[in-house]
């Protein structure tokens, strides 16, 4: 848990903003690690950002919270170089 918390802090200190796909990966791994599988309905209508985030999180449904935390940590480390 400490490594995950540290990675969350480090993710806010990136020297440049990652591309949208990478941001969605960070979001989905963070949510899966923190809350588990996506809950609720997909946002509707013209909530494109909300839909993209929900879809990214839903795509990794079933991934354990520990595995999601590990993937999040690895991605943050990769972004820091």
PDB file of N, CA and C in Angstrom:
ATOM      1  N   UNK A   1       0.826  -1.199   0.000  1.00  0.00           N
ATOM      2  CA  UNK A   1       0.000   0.000   0.000  1.00  0.00           C
ATOM      3  C   UNK A   1       0.871   1.264   0.000  1.00  0.00           C
ATOM      4  N   UNK A   2       1.968   1.213   0.710  1.00  0.00           N
ATOM      5  CA  UNK A   2       2.851   2.387   0.768  1.00  0.00           C
ATOM      6  C   UNK A   2       3.415   2.715  -0.606  1.00  0.00           C
ATOM      7  N   UNK A   3       3.792   1.683  -1.368  1.00  0.00           N
ATOM      8  CA  UNK A   3       4.334   1.906  -2.713  1.00  0.00           C
ATOM      9  C   UNK A   3       3.274   2.515  -3.627  1.00  0.00           C
ATOM     10  N   UNK A   4       2.045   2.071  -3.473  1.00  0.00           N
ATOM     11  CA  UNK A   4       0.943   2.619  -4.273  1.00  0.00           C
ATOM     12  C   UNK A   4       0.717   4.086  -3.919  1.00  0.00           C
ATOM     13  N   UNK A   5       0.676   4.393  -2.626  1.00  0.00           N
ATOM     14  CA  UNK A   5       0.480   5.775  -2.190  1.00  0.00           C
ATOM     15  C   UNK A   5       1.601   6.681  -2.698  1.00  0.00           C
ATOM     16  N   UNK A   6       2.814   6.177  -2.678  1.00  0.00           N
ATOM     17  CA  UNK A   6       3.958   6.944  -3.185  1.00  0.00           C
ATOM     18  C   UNK A   6       3.821   7.172  -4.689  1.00  0.00           C
ATOM     19  N   UNK A   7       3.374   6.152  -5.409  1.00  0.00           N
ATOM     20  CA  UNK A   7       3.183   6.286  -6.858  1.00  0.00           C
ATOM     21  C   UNK A   7       2.105   7.317  -7.170  1.00  0.00           C
ATOM     22  N   UNK A   8       1.060   7.362  -6.354  1.00  0.00           N
ATOM     23  CA  UNK A   8       0.011   8.366  -6.549  1.00  0.00           C
ATOM     24  C   UNK A   8       0.608   9.767  -6.414  1.00  0.00           C
ATOM     25  N   UNK A   9       1.432   9.980  -5.401  1.00  0.00           N
ATOM     26  CA  UNK A   9       2.099  11.280  -5.226  1.00  0.00           C
ATOM     27  C   UNK A   9       2.992  11.594  -6.421  1.00  0.00           C
ATOM     28  N   UNK A  10       3.759  10.596  -6.853  1.00  0.00           N
ATOM     29  CA  UNK A  10       4.697  10.803  -7.969  1.00  0.00           C
ATOM     30  C   UNK A  10       3.964  11.067  -9.282  1.00  0.00           C
ATOM     31  N   UNK A  11       2.757  10.519  -9.421  1.00  0.00           N
ATOM     32  CA  UNK A  11       2.013  10.728 -10.665  1.00  0.00           C
ATOM     33  C   UNK A  11       1.625  12.191 -10.843  1.00  0.00           C
ATOM     34  N   UNK A  12       1.571  12.925  -9.746  1.00  0.00           N
ATOM     35  CA  UNK A  12       1.216  14.346  -9.800  1.00  0.00           C
ATOM     36  C   UNK A  12       2.435  15.236 -10.018  1.00  0.00           C
ATOM     37  N   UNK A  13       3.615  14.609 -10.101  1.00  0.00           N
ATOM     38  CA  UNK A  13       4.858  15.364 -10.247  1.00  0.00           C
ATOM     39  C   UNK A  13       5.549  15.078 -11.569  1.00  0.00           C
ATOM     40  N   UNK A  14       4.800  14.609 -12.551  1.00  0.00           N
ATOM     41  CA  UNK A  14       5.399  14.302 -13.848  1.00  0.00           C
ATOM     42  C   UNK A  14       5.843  15.589 -14.531  1.00  0.00           C
ATOM     43  N   UNK A  15       6.964  15.524 -15.234  1.00  0.00           N
ATOM     44  CA  UNK A  15       7.496  16.724 -15.875  1.00  0.00           C
ATOM     45  C   UNK A  15       6.663  17.160 -17.071  1.00  0.00           C
ATOM     46  N   UNK A  16       5.968  16.216 -17.701  1.00  0.00           N
ATOM     47  CA  UNK A  16       5.079  16.574 -18.808  1.00  0.00           C
ATOM     48  C   UNK A  16       3.810  15.740 -18.717  1.00  0.00           C
ATOM     49  N   UNK A  17       2.750  16.282 -19.284  1.00  0.00           N
ATOM     50  CA  UNK A  17       1.467  15.599 -19.235  1.00  0.00           C
ATOM     51  C   UNK A  17       1.478  14.421 -20.209  1.00  0.00           C
ATOM     52  N   UNK A  18       1.129  13.222 -19.728  1.00  0.00           N
ATOM     53  CA  UNK A  18       1.067  12.054 -20.620  1.00  0.00           C
ATOM     54  C   UNK A  18      -0.047  12.197 -21.655  1.00  0.00           C
ATOM     55  N   UNK A  19       0.028  11.397 -22.709  1.00  0.00           N
ATOM     56  CA  UNK A  19      -1.032  11.414 -23.712  1.00  0.00           C
ATOM     57  C   UNK A  19      -2.325  10.853 -23.113  1.00  0.00           C
ATOM     58  N   UNK A  20      -3.425  11.041 -23.820  1.00  0.00           N
ATOM     59  CA  UNK A  20      -4.737  10.658 -23.288  1.00  0.00           C
ATOM     60  C   UNK A  20      -4.847   9.170 -22.985  1.00  0.00           C
ATOM     61  N   UNK A  21      -4.290   8.313 -23.828  1.00  0.00           N
ATOM     62  CA  UNK A  21      -4.370   6.875 -23.573  1.00  0.00           C
ATOM     63  C   UNK A  21      -3.641   6.501 -22.287  1.00  0.00           C
ATOM     64  N   UNK A  22      -2.503   7.128 -22.049  1.00  0.00           N
ATOM     65  CA  UNK A  22      -1.744   6.864 -20.828  1.00  0.00           C
ATOM     66  C   UNK A  22      -2.505   7.384 -19.613  1.00  0.00           C
ATOM     67  N   UNK A  23      -3.113   8.557 -19.746  1.00  0.00           N
ATOM     68  CA  UNK A  23      -3.917   9.094 -18.649  1.00  0.00           C
ATOM     69  C   UNK A  23      -5.087   8.168 -18.320  1.00  0.00           C
ATOM     70  N   UNK A  24      -5.714   7.611 -19.351  1.00  0.00           N
ATOM     71  CA  UNK A  24      -6.818   6.679 -19.122  1.00  0.00           C
ATOM     72  C   UNK A  24      -6.324   5.409 -18.435  1.00  0.00           C
ATOM     73  N   UNK A  25      -5.136   4.952 -18.802  1.00  0.00           N
ATOM     74  CA  UNK A  25      -4.565   3.773 -18.145  1.00  0.00           C
ATOM     75  C   UNK A  25      -4.298   4.065 -16.674  1.00  0.00           C
ATOM     76  N   UNK A  26      -3.696   5.210 -16.393  1.00  0.00           N
ATOM     77  CA  UNK A  26      -3.453   5.599 -15.004  1.00  0.00           C
ATOM     78  C   UNK A  26      -4.761   5.648 -14.226  1.00  0.00           C
ATOM     79  N   UNK A  27      -5.766   6.267 -14.821  1.00  0.00           N
ATOM     80  CA  UNK A  27      -7.067   6.389 -14.168  1.00  0.00           C
ATOM     81  C   UNK A  27      -7.665   5.012 -13.883  1.00  0.00           C
ATOM     82  N   UNK A  28      -7.677   4.153 -14.893  1.00  0.00           N
ATOM     83  CA  UNK A  28      -8.331   2.851 -14.726  1.00  0.00           C
ATOM     84  C   UNK A  28      -7.602   1.986 -13.698  1.00  0.00           C
ATOM     85  N   UNK A  29      -6.273   1.985 -13.730  1.00  0.00           N
ATOM     86  CA  UNK A  29      -5.530   1.205 -12.733  1.00  0.00           C
ATOM     87  C   UNK A  29      -5.739   1.762 -11.329  1.00  0.00           C
ATOM     88  N   UNK A  30      -5.760   3.102 -11.219  1.00  0.00           N
ATOM     89  CA  UNK A  30      -5.991   3.722  -9.916  1.00  0.00           C
ATOM     90  C   UNK A  30      -7.365   3.340  -9.369  1.00  0.00           C
ATOM     91  N   UNK A  31      -8.397   3.471 -10.196  1.00  0.00           N
ATOM     92  CA  UNK A  31      -9.758   3.161  -9.753  1.00  0.00           C
ATOM     93  C   UNK A  31      -9.906   1.681  -9.414  1.00  0.00           C
ATOM     94  N   UNK A  32      -9.313   0.806 -10.237  1.00  0.00           N
ATOM     95  CA  UNK A  32      -9.411  -0.632  -9.985  1.00  0.00           C
ATOM     96  C   UNK A  32      -8.692  -0.981  -8.680  1.00  0.00           C
ATOM     97  N   UNK A  33      -7.524  -0.386  -8.461  1.00  0.00           N
ATOM     98  CA  UNK A  33      -6.763  -0.653  -7.241  1.00  0.00           C
ATOM     99  C   UNK A  33      -7.486  -0.103  -6.010  1.00  0.00           C
ATOM    100  N   UNK A  34      -8.142   1.032  -6.156  1.00  0.00           N
ATOM    101  CA  UNK A  34      -8.801   1.687  -5.030  1.00  0.00           C
ATOM    102  C   UNK A  34     -10.190   1.142  -4.729  1.00  0.00           C
ATOM    103  N   UNK A  35     -10.950   0.834  -5.780  1.00  0.00           N
ATOM    104  CA  UNK A  35     -12.362   0.502  -5.595  1.00  0.00           C
ATOM    105  C   UNK A  35     -12.766  -0.870  -6.119  1.00  0.00           C
ATOM    106  N   UNK A  36     -11.923  -1.493  -6.914  1.00  0.00           N
ATOM    107  CA  UNK A  36     -12.305  -2.766  -7.527  1.00  0.00           C
ATOM    108  C   UNK A  36     -13.046  -2.524  -8.830  1.00  0.00           C
ATOM    109  N   UNK A  37     -13.830  -3.506  -9.253  1.00  0.00           N
ATOM    110  CA  UNK A  37     -14.523  -3.432 -10.538  1.00  0.00           C
ATOM    111  C   UNK A  37     -15.445  -2.222 -10.619  1.00  0.00           C
ATOM    112  N   UNK A  38     -15.568  -1.707 -11.836  1.00  0.00           N
ATOM    113  CA  UNK A  38     -16.433  -0.563 -12.103  1.00  0.00           C
ATOM    114  C   UNK A  38     -17.861  -0.879 -11.666  1.00  0.00           C
ATOM    115  N   UNK A  39     -18.499   0.137 -11.118  1.00  0.00           N
ATOM    116  CA  UNK A  39     -19.885  -0.016 -10.666  1.00  0.00           C
ATOM    117  C   UNK A  39     -20.739   1.044 -11.344  1.00  0.00           C
ATOM    118  N   UNK A  40     -22.020   0.804 -11.397  1.00  0.00           N
ATOM    119  CA  UNK A  40     -22.925   1.786 -11.970  1.00  0.00           C
ATOM    120  C   UNK A  40     -22.979   1.710 -13.481  1.00  0.00           C
ATOM    121  N   UNK A  41     -23.820   2.550 -14.026  1.00  0.00           N
ATOM    122  CA  UNK A  41     -24.031   2.577 -15.469  1.00  0.00           C
ATOM    123  C   UNK A  41     -23.036   3.498 -16.139  1.00  0.00           C
ATOM    124  N   UNK A  42     -22.798   3.215 -17.405  1.00  0.00           N
ATOM    125  CA  UNK A  42     -21.938   4.068 -18.222  1.00  0.00           C
ATOM    126  C   UNK A  42     -22.614   5.429 -18.354  1.00  0.00           C
ATOM    127  N   UNK A  43     -21.827   6.507 -18.220  1.00  0.00           N
ATOM    128  CA  UNK A  43     -22.426   7.838 -18.399  1.00  0.00           C
ATOM    129  C   UNK A  43     -23.074   7.940 -19.779  1.00  0.00           C
ATOM    130  N   UNK A  44     -24.097   8.704 -19.873  1.00  0.00           N
ATOM    131  CA  UNK A  44     -24.811   8.777 -21.141  1.00  0.00           C
ATOM    132  C   UNK A  44     -24.543  10.060 -21.895  1.00  0.00           C
ATOM    133  N   UNK A  45     -25.163  10.122 -23.032  1.00  0.00           N
ATOM    134  CA  UNK A  45     -25.175  11.344 -23.828  1.00  0.00           C
ATOM    135  C   UNK A  45     -23.819  11.824 -24.273  1.00  0.00           C
ATOM    136  N   UNK A  46     -23.593  13.088 -24.027  1.00  0.00           N
ATOM    137  CA  UNK A  46     -22.401  13.744 -24.555  1.00  0.00           C
ATOM    138  C   UNK A  46     -21.280  13.880 -23.529  1.00  0.00           C
ATOM    139  N   UNK A  47     -21.286  13.029 -22.519  1.00  0.00           N
ATOM    140  CA  UNK A  47     -20.220  13.030 -21.519  1.00  0.00           C
ATOM    141  C   UNK A  47     -19.058  12.184 -22.051  1.00  0.00           C
ATOM    142  N   UNK A  48     -18.364  12.715 -23.044  1.00  0.00           N
ATOM    143  CA  UNK A  48     -17.318  11.957 -23.728  1.00  0.00           C
ATOM    144  C   UNK A  48     -16.176  11.587 -22.785  1.00  0.00           C
ATOM    145  N   UNK A  49     -15.791  12.522 -21.935  1.00  0.00           N
ATOM    146  CA  UNK A  49     -14.705  12.265 -20.987  1.00  0.00           C
ATOM    147  C   UNK A  49     -15.127  11.183 -19.987  1.00  0.00           C
ATOM    148  N   UNK A  50     -16.327  11.317 -19.457  1.00  0.00           N
ATOM    149  CA  UNK A  50     -16.842  10.329 -18.518  1.00  0.00           C
ATOM    150  C   UNK A  50     -16.963   8.950 -19.149  1.00  0.00           C
ATOM    151  N   UNK A  51     -17.414   8.915 -20.397  1.00  0.00           N
ATOM    152  CA  UNK A  51     -17.531   7.642 -21.110  1.00  0.00           C
ATOM    153  C   UNK A  51     -16.171   6.995 -21.316  1.00  0.00           C
ATOM    154  N   UNK A  52     -15.178   7.795 -21.705  1.00  0.00           N
ATOM    155  CA  UNK A  52     -13.835   7.264 -21.945  1.00  0.00           C
ATOM    156  C   UNK A  52     -13.250   6.699 -20.657  1.00  0.00           C
ATOM    157  N   UNK A  53     -13.445   7.408 -19.554  1.00  0.00           N
ATOM    158  CA  UNK A  53     -12.926   6.937 -18.273  1.00  0.00           C
ATOM    159  C   UNK A  53     -13.636   5.662 -17.832  1.00  0.00           C
ATOM    160  N   UNK A  54     -14.965   5.635 -17.969  1.00  0.00           N
ATOM    161  CA  UNK A  54     -15.736   4.451 -17.585  1.00  0.00           C
ATOM    162  C   UNK A  54     -15.322   3.260 -18.438  1.00  0.00           C
ATOM    163  N   UNK A  55     -15.170   3.481 -19.752  1.00  0.00           N
ATOM    164  CA  UNK A  55     -14.785   2.396 -20.664  1.00  0.00           C
ATOM    165  C   UNK A  55     -13.409   1.847 -20.316  1.00  0.00           C
ATOM    166  N   UNK A  56     -12.462   2.742 -19.999  1.00  0.00           N
ATOM    167  CA  UNK A  56     -11.105   2.307 -19.655  1.00  0.00           C
ATOM    168  C   UNK A  56     -11.124   1.469 -18.382  1.00  0.00           C
ATOM    169  N   UNK A  57     -11.885   1.890 -17.407  1.00  0.00           N
ATOM    170  CA  UNK A  57     -11.990   1.160 -16.141  1.00  0.00           C
ATOM    171  C   UNK A  57     -12.704  -0.169 -16.366  1.00  0.00           C
ATOM    172  N   UNK A  58     -13.764  -0.157 -17.135  1.00  0.00           N
ATOM    173  CA  UNK A  58     -14.533  -1.375 -17.405  1.00  0.00           C
ATOM    174  C   UNK A  58     -13.704  -2.406 -18.163  1.00  0.00           C
ATOM    175  N   UNK A  59     -12.771  -1.930 -18.985  1.00  0.00           N
ATOM    176  CA  UNK A  59     -11.933  -2.816 -19.804  1.00  0.00           C
ATOM    177  C   UNK A  59     -11.055  -3.726 -18.948  1.00  0.00           C
ATOM    178  N   UNK A  60     -10.727  -3.290 -17.731  1.00  0.00           N
ATOM    179  CA  UNK A  60      -9.865  -4.112 -16.871  1.00  0.00           C
ATOM    180  C   UNK A  60     -10.656  -4.792 -15.752  1.00  0.00           C
ATOM    181  N   UNK A  61     -11.956  -4.850 -15.927  1.00  0.00           N
ATOM    182  CA  UNK A  61     -12.828  -5.514 -14.954  1.00  0.00           C
ATOM    183  C   UNK A  61     -12.316  -6.933 -14.696  1.00  0.00           C
ATOM    184  N   UNK A  62     -12.276  -7.311 -13.432  1.00  0.00           N
ATOM    185  CA  UNK A  62     -11.801  -8.641 -13.066  1.00  0.00           C
ATOM    186  C   UNK A  62     -10.342  -8.668 -12.635  1.00  0.00           C
ATOM    187  N   UNK A  63      -9.583  -7.617 -12.968  1.00  0.00           N
ATOM    188  CA  UNK A  63      -8.192  -7.518 -12.526  1.00  0.00           C
ATOM    189  C   UNK A  63      -8.199  -7.305 -11.016  1.00  0.00           C
ATOM    190  N   UNK A  64      -7.375  -8.051 -10.303  1.00  0.00           N
ATOM    191  CA  UNK A  64      -7.358  -7.904  -8.845  1.00  0.00           C
ATOM    192  C   UNK A  64      -6.857  -6.510  -8.464  1.00  0.00           C
ATOM    193  N   UNK A  65      -7.252  -6.069  -7.293  1.00  0.00           N
ATOM    194  CA  UNK A  65      -6.826  -4.753  -6.826  1.00  0.00           C
ATOM    195  C   UNK A  65      -5.308  -4.704  -6.646  1.00  0.00           C
ATOM    196  N   UNK A  66      -4.712  -5.792  -6.200  1.00  0.00           N
ATOM    197  CA  UNK A  66      -3.251  -5.841  -6.045  1.00  0.00           C
ATOM    198  C   UNK A  66      -2.549  -5.742  -7.395  1.00  0.00           C
ATOM    199  N   UNK A  67      -3.060  -6.469  -8.389  1.00  0.00           N
ATOM    200  CA  UNK A  67      -2.456  -6.415  -9.726  1.00  0.00           C
ATOM    201  C   UNK A  67      -2.619  -5.036 -10.344  1.00  0.00           C
ATOM    202  N   UNK A  68      -3.773  -4.424 -10.129  1.00  0.00           N
ATOM    203  CA  UNK A  68      -3.994  -3.075 -10.652  1.00  0.00           C
ATOM    204  C   UNK A  68      -3.028  -2.086  -9.992  1.00  0.00           C
ATOM    205  N   UNK A  69      -2.817  -2.223  -8.696  1.00  0.00           N
ATOM    206  CA  UNK A  69      -1.876  -1.343  -7.989  1.00  0.00           C
ATOM    207  C   UNK A  69      -0.466  -1.522  -8.543  1.00  0.00           C
ATOM    208  N   UNK A  70      -0.075  -2.766  -8.787  1.00  0.00           N
ATOM    209  CA  UNK A  70       1.251  -3.038  -9.354  1.00  0.00           C
ATOM    210  C   UNK A  70       1.393  -2.412 -10.732  1.00  0.00           C
ATOM    211  N   UNK A  71       0.375  -2.551 -11.570  1.00  0.00           N
ATOM    212  CA  UNK A  71       0.417  -1.969 -12.916  1.00  0.00           C
ATOM    213  C   UNK A  71       0.473  -0.438 -12.837  1.00  0.00           C
ATOM    214  N   UNK A  72      -0.245   0.140 -11.894  1.00  0.00           N
ATOM    215  CA  UNK A  72      -0.221   1.587 -11.705  1.00  0.00           C
ATOM    216  C   UNK A  72       1.190   2.042 -11.313  1.00  0.00           C
ATOM    217  N   UNK A  73       1.765   1.372 -10.336  1.00  0.00           N
ATOM    218  CA  UNK A  73       3.119   1.706  -9.874  1.00  0.00           C
ATOM    219  C   UNK A  73       4.117   1.590 -11.018  1.00  0.00           C
ATOM    220  N   UNK A  74       4.034   0.503 -11.782  1.00  0.00           N
ATOM    221  CA  UNK A  74       4.958   0.300 -12.900  1.00  0.00           C
ATOM    222  C   UNK A  74       4.810   1.385 -13.959  1.00  0.00           C
ATOM    223  N   UNK A  75       3.569   1.781 -14.251  1.00  0.00           N
ATOM    224  CA  UNK A  75       3.345   2.819 -15.250  1.00  0.00           C
ATOM    225  C   UNK A  75       3.884   4.165 -14.787  1.00  0.00           C
ATOM    226  N   UNK A  76       3.666   4.502 -13.527  1.00  0.00           N
ATOM    227  CA  UNK A  76       4.204   5.757 -12.997  1.00  0.00           C
ATOM    228  C   UNK A  76       5.737   5.734 -13.050  1.00  0.00           C
ATOM    229  N   UNK A  77       6.338   4.618 -12.667  1.00  0.00           N
ATOM    230  CA  UNK A  77       7.805   4.509 -12.724  1.00  0.00           C
ATOM    231  C   UNK A  77       8.308   4.669 -14.156  1.00  0.00           C
ATOM    232  N   UNK A  78       7.603   4.068 -15.101  1.00  0.00           N
ATOM    233  CA  UNK A  78       7.975   4.166 -16.512  1.00  0.00           C
ATOM    234  C   UNK A  78       7.879   5.623 -16.991  1.00  0.00           C
ATOM    235  N   UNK A  79       6.853   6.337 -16.569  1.00  0.00           N
ATOM    236  CA  UNK A  79       6.681   7.730 -16.977  1.00  0.00           C
ATOM    237  C   UNK A  79       7.754   8.641 -16.376  1.00  0.00           C
ATOM    238  N   UNK A  80       8.253   8.276 -15.215  1.00  0.00           N
ATOM    239  CA  UNK A  80       9.318   9.062 -14.589  1.00  0.00           C
ATOM    240  C   UNK A  80      10.678   8.729 -15.192  1.00  0.00           C
ATOM    241  N   UNK A  81      10.749   7.618 -15.920  1.00  0.00           N
ATOM    242  CA  UNK A  81      12.008   7.246 -16.557  1.00  0.00           C
ATOM    243  C   UNK A  81      12.908   6.638 -15.589  1.00  0.00           C
TER     244      UNK A  81
END
